[in-house]
Each structure stands twice: as structure tokens, then as C-alpha cells.
Amino acid sequence: MNTIIELEKQILALSAAEREQLATLTWESLVGDPSVAGNRNIDPEGIEIAAQRDAEIESGEVQSIGHAEFLRCTGVGRARFAGSL
């Protein structure tokens, strides 16, 4: 069995589509796992909020945006690069 570091390297070497598929599968396994509620390392309220958001996106009630659009809209990352100019 691979160590977690080796597994992380393998995951990051996957294409974006493969990582998305893996993330979706992993997320769905957490949502459907009754043992998650008792796991103190996982924030049940956060999972519930994320599940509600996912349902809103899936229903078409809201539209998701890509990472680049998120960064553009929020200005995240600008401050980090501003100091390096």
C-alpha cells in the first residue's frame, strides 16, 4: 500500500478531469458514510453547507464559476503578487 505522500503525488499527476472525478467520488463517499457524523476531524456543519451548495448547483438554482473566475471576482492572490513587483 502506498503512503499518503505517494498517493498525493499520484493524484496530483492525474489530469484535471481525473482529479475532478476522484474528488467527486471521494466527496460522495463521505456524504453517504454514517461514521462521518461521529468523526471529530470533520466539520458536519461545513459538510451540510457544502452539500446544500452542491444541491443548488445540481438543480440549476445557481451557477458555479471556475477557479480563475473566482480569483478574478474576489481579488485573491493579488496582494500576494503585489509585494513581489
Protein backbone atom coordinates (compact mmCIF):
# COMPACT_ATOMS: atom_id res chain seq x y z
CA MET A 1 0.00 0.00 0.00
CA ASN A 2 1.21 3.49 -0.84
CA THR A 3 1.90 6.05 1.82
CA ILE A 4 -0.29 9.14 1.84
CA ILE A 5 2.53 11.23 0.35
CA GLU A 6 2.94 8.80 -2.54
CA LEU A 7 -0.81 8.77 -3.06
CA GLU A 8 -0.91 12.58 -3.08
CA LYS A 9 1.81 12.67 -5.74
CA GLN A 10 -0.12 10.19 -7.88
CA ILE A 11 -3.35 12.16 -7.51
CA LEU A 12 -1.69 15.44 -8.44
CA ALA A 13 -0.18 13.78 -11.52
CA LEU A 14 -3.68 12.99 -12.82
CA SER A 15 -5.40 15.18 -15.37
CA ALA A 16 -7.86 17.79 -14.13
CA ALA A 17 -10.78 15.65 -15.33
CA GLU A 18 -9.45 12.60 -13.49
CA ARG A 19 -8.89 14.62 -10.29
CA GLU A 20 -12.41 16.01 -10.57
CA GLN A 21 -13.83 12.51 -10.94
CA LEU A 22 -11.81 11.29 -7.96
CA ALA A 23 -12.83 14.29 -5.84
CA THR A 24 -16.50 13.74 -6.67
CA LEU A 25 -16.32 10.06 -5.83
CA THR A 26 -14.49 10.80 -2.58
CA TRP A 27 -16.94 13.54 -1.60
CA GLU A 28 -19.94 11.30 -2.27
CA SER A 29 -18.39 8.56 -0.16
CA LEU A 30 -18.19 10.99 2.79
CA VAL A 31 -21.73 12.29 2.38
CA GLY A 32 -23.11 8.74 2.40
CA ASP A 33 -20.94 7.47 5.26
CA PRO A 34 -22.76 7.40 8.62
CA SER A 35 -19.45 7.25 10.50
CA VAL A 36 -18.60 10.77 9.31
CA ALA A 37 -21.06 12.30 11.78
CA GLY A 38 -19.04 10.90 14.68
CA ASN A 39 -15.66 11.93 13.30
CA ARG A 40 -14.40 14.96 15.24
CA ASN A 41 -11.91 15.73 12.46
CA ILE A 42 -14.69 16.55 10.04
CA ASP A 43 -16.93 19.60 10.39
CA PRO A 44 -20.51 18.30 10.00
CA GLU A 45 -21.93 21.81 9.69
CA GLY A 46 -19.44 22.58 6.93
CA ILE A 47 -20.31 19.35 5.14
CA GLU A 48 -24.02 20.20 5.37
CA ILE A 49 -23.44 23.68 3.95
CA ALA A 50 -21.34 22.24 1.12
CA ALA A 51 -23.99 19.58 0.40
CA GLN A 52 -26.67 22.28 0.22
CA ARG A 53 -24.49 24.32 -2.14
CA ASP A 54 -23.91 21.25 -4.28
CA ALA A 55 -27.68 20.64 -4.46
CA GLU A 56 -28.22 24.27 -5.52
CA ILE A 57 -25.68 23.88 -8.31
CA GLU A 58 -27.05 20.49 -9.41
CA SER A 59 -30.63 21.84 -9.53
CA GLY A 60 -29.57 24.82 -11.61
CA GLU A 61 -30.71 27.25 -8.92
CA VAL A 62 -27.23 28.79 -9.02
CA GLN A 63 -24.30 28.51 -11.41
CA SER A 64 -20.81 27.58 -10.38
CA ILE A 65 -17.76 29.51 -11.54
CA GLY A 66 -14.29 28.29 -12.33
CA HIS A 67 -11.22 28.86 -10.20
CA ALA A 68 -9.86 31.64 -12.42
CA GLU A 69 -13.20 33.47 -12.30
CA PHE A 70 -13.30 33.11 -8.51
CA LEU A 71 -9.83 34.63 -8.22
CA ARG A 72 -10.79 37.47 -10.56
CA CYS A 73 -14.00 38.24 -8.66
CA THR A 74 -12.50 38.07 -5.18
CA GLY A 75 -9.09 39.55 -5.85
CA VAL A 76 -7.49 36.57 -4.08
CA GLY A 77 -3.83 36.33 -4.98
CA ARG A 78 -3.40 39.99 -5.98
CA ALA A 79 -1.98 41.00 -2.60
CA ARG A 80 0.48 38.14 -2.67
CA PHE A 81 1.87 39.22 -6.03
CA ALA A 82 1.64 42.98 -5.40
CA GLY A 83 4.54 42.83 -2.94
CA SER A 84 6.74 40.98 -5.38
CA LEU A 85 6.64 43.69 -8.06
